[in-house]
């Protein structure tokens, strides 16, 4: 029987599954590269909820890739020679949006989540 959420998982993995679903849906709505990442996040969350190793790996890889892309974008903008102080303030507000992808990656890669999937996932 397939399930969307598994309450027997540790709290960190439960958070990763929920954030994976939300991030997947919003990434798909954004289109472009976000479409591929969104499908990976959503499928990874569903696989993790059903105790599948491929789901956990897919969720970990796509969430980490998403954070990496955000960091590369922010570094590229900050190191640009045409950046002024007002733009940096706006950039900090944009960086606040990166908190959720980072929380997803942290919950997925947390030692409790990794250990649980290593022992219990098929």
C-alpha atoms as a PDB file:
ATOM      1  CA  UNK A   1       0.000   0.000   0.000  1.00  0.00           C
ATOM      2  CA  UNK A   2       1.383   3.398  -1.018  1.00  0.00           C
ATOM      3  CA  UNK A   3       1.276   6.322   1.400  1.00  0.00           C
ATOM      4  CA  UNK A   4       1.943  10.042   1.127  1.00  0.00           C
ATOM      5  CA  UNK A   5       3.291  10.427   4.659  1.00  0.00           C
ATOM      6  CA  UNK A   6       4.760   7.984   7.159  1.00  0.00           C
ATOM      7  CA  UNK A   7       4.245   8.945  10.825  1.00  0.00           C
ATOM      8  CA  UNK A   8       6.673   6.247  11.983  1.00  0.00           C
ATOM      9  CA  UNK A   9       9.650   8.100  10.464  1.00  0.00           C
ATOM     10  CA  UNK A  10      11.869  10.271  12.679  1.00  0.00           C
ATOM     11  CA  UNK A  11      10.828  13.892  12.918  1.00  0.00           C
ATOM     12  CA  UNK A  12      13.651  15.091  10.655  1.00  0.00           C
ATOM     13  CA  UNK A  13      12.610  12.739   7.866  1.00  0.00           C
ATOM     14  CA  UNK A  14       8.950  13.673   8.297  1.00  0.00           C
ATOM     15  CA  UNK A  15       9.895  17.341   7.892  1.00  0.00           C
ATOM     16  CA  UNK A  16      11.975  16.492   4.822  1.00  0.00           C
ATOM     17  CA  UNK A  17       9.050  14.678   3.196  1.00  0.00           C
ATOM     18  CA  UNK A  18       6.601  17.523   3.854  1.00  0.00           C
ATOM     19  CA  UNK A  19       9.059  20.207   2.689  1.00  0.00           C
ATOM     20  CA  UNK A  20       9.897  18.039  -0.322  1.00  0.00           C
ATOM     21  CA  UNK A  21       6.253  17.976  -1.393  1.00  0.00           C
ATOM     22  CA  UNK A  22       5.848  21.741  -0.966  1.00  0.00           C
ATOM     23  CA  UNK A  23       9.147  22.571  -2.674  1.00  0.00           C
ATOM     24  CA  UNK A  24       8.334  20.159  -5.494  1.00  0.00           C
ATOM     25  CA  UNK A  25       4.962  21.718  -6.202  1.00  0.00           C
ATOM     26  CA  UNK A  26       6.264  25.293  -6.122  1.00  0.00           C
ATOM     27  CA  UNK A  27       9.282  24.400  -8.272  1.00  0.00           C
ATOM     28  CA  UNK A  28       7.047  22.769 -10.884  1.00  0.00           C
ATOM     29  CA  UNK A  29       4.864  25.891 -10.945  1.00  0.00           C
ATOM     30  CA  UNK A  30       7.997  27.993 -11.575  1.00  0.00           C
ATOM     31  CA  UNK A  31       8.840  26.060 -14.749  1.00  0.00           C
ATOM     32  CA  UNK A  32      12.231  25.901 -16.454  1.00  0.00           C
ATOM     33  CA  UNK A  33      14.957  24.076 -14.543  1.00  0.00           C
ATOM     34  CA  UNK A  34      12.638  24.227 -11.539  1.00  0.00           C
ATOM     35  CA  UNK A  35      10.346  21.829 -13.365  1.00  0.00           C
ATOM     36  CA  UNK A  36      12.973  19.071 -13.334  1.00  0.00           C
ATOM     37  CA  UNK A  37      13.985  19.808  -9.753  1.00  0.00           C
ATOM     38  CA  UNK A  38      10.343  19.921  -8.697  1.00  0.00           C
ATOM     39  CA  UNK A  39       9.584  16.532 -10.195  1.00  0.00           C
ATOM     40  CA  UNK A  40      12.678  15.121  -8.472  1.00  0.00           C
ATOM     41  CA  UNK A  41      11.736  16.657  -5.126  1.00  0.00           C
ATOM     42  CA  UNK A  42       8.146  15.440  -5.294  1.00  0.00           C
ATOM     43  CA  UNK A  43       9.113  11.922  -6.432  1.00  0.00           C
ATOM     44  CA  UNK A  44      11.854  11.772  -3.802  1.00  0.00           C
ATOM     45  CA  UNK A  45       9.452  12.780  -1.044  1.00  0.00           C
ATOM     46  CA  UNK A  46       6.946  10.158  -2.181  1.00  0.00           C
ATOM     47  CA  UNK A  47       9.637   7.477  -2.361  1.00  0.00           C
ATOM     48  CA  UNK A  48      10.922   8.417   1.093  1.00  0.00           C
ATOM     49  CA  UNK A  49       7.423   8.260   2.545  1.00  0.00           C
ATOM     50  CA  UNK A  50       7.231   4.697   1.204  1.00  0.00           C
ATOM     51  CA  UNK A  51      10.621   3.601   2.643  1.00  0.00           C
ATOM     52  CA  UNK A  52      12.455   3.465  -0.692  1.00  0.00           C
ATOM     53  CA  UNK A  53      16.195   4.146  -0.809  1.00  0.00           C
ATOM     54  CA  UNK A  54      15.890   5.615  -4.314  1.00  0.00           C
ATOM     55  CA  UNK A  55      13.393   8.124  -2.915  1.00  0.00           C
ATOM     56  CA  UNK A  56      15.719   9.211  -0.158  1.00  0.00           C
ATOM     57  CA  UNK A  57      18.677   9.525  -2.546  1.00  0.00           C
ATOM     58  CA  UNK A  58      16.587  11.489  -5.061  1.00  0.00           C
ATOM     59  CA  UNK A  59      15.309  13.821  -2.331  1.00  0.00           C
ATOM     60  CA  UNK A  60      18.823  14.346  -0.945  1.00  0.00           C
ATOM     61  CA  UNK A  61      20.366  15.010  -4.370  1.00  0.00           C
ATOM     62  CA  UNK A  62      17.661  17.368  -5.643  1.00  0.00           C
ATOM     63  CA  UNK A  63      17.447  19.336  -2.387  1.00  0.00           C
ATOM     64  CA  UNK A  64      21.244  19.702  -2.268  1.00  0.00           C
ATOM     65  CA  UNK A  65      21.364  20.707  -5.937  1.00  0.00           C
ATOM     66  CA  UNK A  66      18.693  23.316  -5.323  1.00  0.00           C
ATOM     67  CA  UNK A  67      20.701  24.859  -2.468  1.00  0.00           C
ATOM     68  CA  UNK A  68      23.862  24.784  -4.586  1.00  0.00           C
ATOM     69  CA  UNK A  69      22.130  26.645  -7.417  1.00  0.00           C
ATOM     70  CA  UNK A  70      20.836  29.295  -5.007  1.00  0.00           C
ATOM     71  CA  UNK A  71      24.283  29.786  -3.467  1.00  0.00           C
ATOM     72  CA  UNK A  72      25.939  30.036  -6.893  1.00  0.00           C
ATOM     73  CA  UNK A  73      23.362  32.619  -7.962  1.00  0.00           C
ATOM     74  CA  UNK A  74      23.859  34.713  -4.826  1.00  0.00           C
ATOM     75  CA  UNK A  75      27.668  34.549  -5.081  1.00  0.00           C
ATOM     76  CA  UNK A  76      27.515  35.509  -8.747  1.00  0.00           C
ATOM     77  CA  UNK A  77      25.341  38.528  -8.030  1.00  0.00           C
ATOM     78  CA  UNK A  78      27.340  39.725  -5.025  1.00  0.00           C
ATOM     79  CA  UNK A  79      30.664  39.497  -6.860  1.00  0.00           C
ATOM     80  CA  UNK A  80      29.329  41.401  -9.843  1.00  0.00           C
ATOM     81  CA  UNK A  81      31.073  44.788 -10.289  1.00  0.00           C
ATOM     82  CA  UNK A  82      27.771  46.620 -10.858  1.00  0.00           C
ATOM     83  CA  UNK A  83      26.243  45.961  -7.426  1.00  0.00           C
ATOM     84  CA  UNK A  84      25.228  48.916  -5.255  1.00  0.00           C
ATOM     85  CA  UNK A  85      24.248  48.966  -1.550  1.00  0.00           C
ATOM     86  CA  UNK A  86      20.491  49.248  -2.142  1.00  0.00           C
ATOM     87  CA  UNK A  87      20.573  46.212  -4.397  1.00  0.00           C
ATOM     88  CA  UNK A  88      22.428  44.236  -1.720  1.00  0.00           C
ATOM     89  CA  UNK A  89      19.611  44.961   0.741  1.00  0.00           C
ATOM     90  CA  UNK A  90      17.116  43.624  -1.808  1.00  0.00           C
ATOM     91  CA  UNK A  91      19.387  40.633  -2.306  1.00  0.00           C
ATOM     92  CA  UNK A  92      19.318  39.882   1.428  1.00  0.00           C
ATOM     93  CA  UNK A  93      15.534  39.766   1.265  1.00  0.00           C
ATOM     94  CA  UNK A  94      15.788  37.323  -1.637  1.00  0.00           C
ATOM     95  CA  UNK A  95      18.288  35.261   0.362  1.00  0.00           C
ATOM     96  CA  UNK A  96      15.654  34.885   3.079  1.00  0.00           C
ATOM     97  CA  UNK A  97      13.673  32.848   0.553  1.00  0.00           C
ATOM     98  CA  UNK A  98      16.571  30.385   0.480  1.00  0.00           C
ATOM     99  CA  UNK A  99      15.839  29.369   4.066  1.00  0.00           C
ATOM    100  CA  UNK A 100      13.257  26.749   3.041  1.00  0.00           C
ATOM    101  CA  UNK A 101      15.487  24.955   0.513  1.00  0.00           C
ATOM    102  CA  UNK A 102      18.268  24.933   3.089  1.00  0.00           C
ATOM    103  CA  UNK A 103      15.911  23.561   5.744  1.00  0.00           C
ATOM    104  CA  UNK A 104      14.835  20.821   3.340  1.00  0.00           C
ATOM    105  CA  UNK A 105      18.436  19.834   2.608  1.00  0.00           C
ATOM    106  CA  UNK A 106      19.330  19.952   6.313  1.00  0.00           C
ATOM    107  CA  UNK A 107      16.356  17.785   7.315  1.00  0.00           C
ATOM    108  CA  UNK A 108      17.081  15.295   4.550  1.00  0.00           C
ATOM    109  CA  UNK A 109      20.799  15.028   5.315  1.00  0.00           C
ATOM    110  CA  UNK A 110      20.412  15.103   9.113  1.00  0.00           C
ATOM    111  CA  UNK A 111      22.117  12.152  10.846  1.00  0.00           C
ATOM    112  CA  UNK A 112      18.783  10.826  12.178  1.00  0.00           C
ATOM    113  CA  UNK A 113      17.297  10.760   8.678  1.00  0.00           C
ATOM    114  CA  UNK A 114      20.395   9.156   7.161  1.00  0.00           C
ATOM    115  CA  UNK A 115      20.634   6.494   9.848  1.00  0.00           C
ATOM    116  CA  UNK A 116      16.931   5.667   9.671  1.00  0.00           C
ATOM    117  CA  UNK A 117      16.966   5.253   5.882  1.00  0.00           C
ATOM    118  CA  UNK A 118      20.182   3.219   6.051  1.00  0.00           C
ATOM    119  CA  UNK A 119      18.604   0.721   8.456  1.00  0.00           C
ATOM    120  CA  UNK A 120      14.942   0.609   7.412  1.00  0.00           C
ATOM    121  CA  UNK A 121      14.628   1.581   3.740  1.00  0.00           C
ATOM    122  CA  UNK A 122      14.522  -1.078   1.022  1.00  0.00           C
END
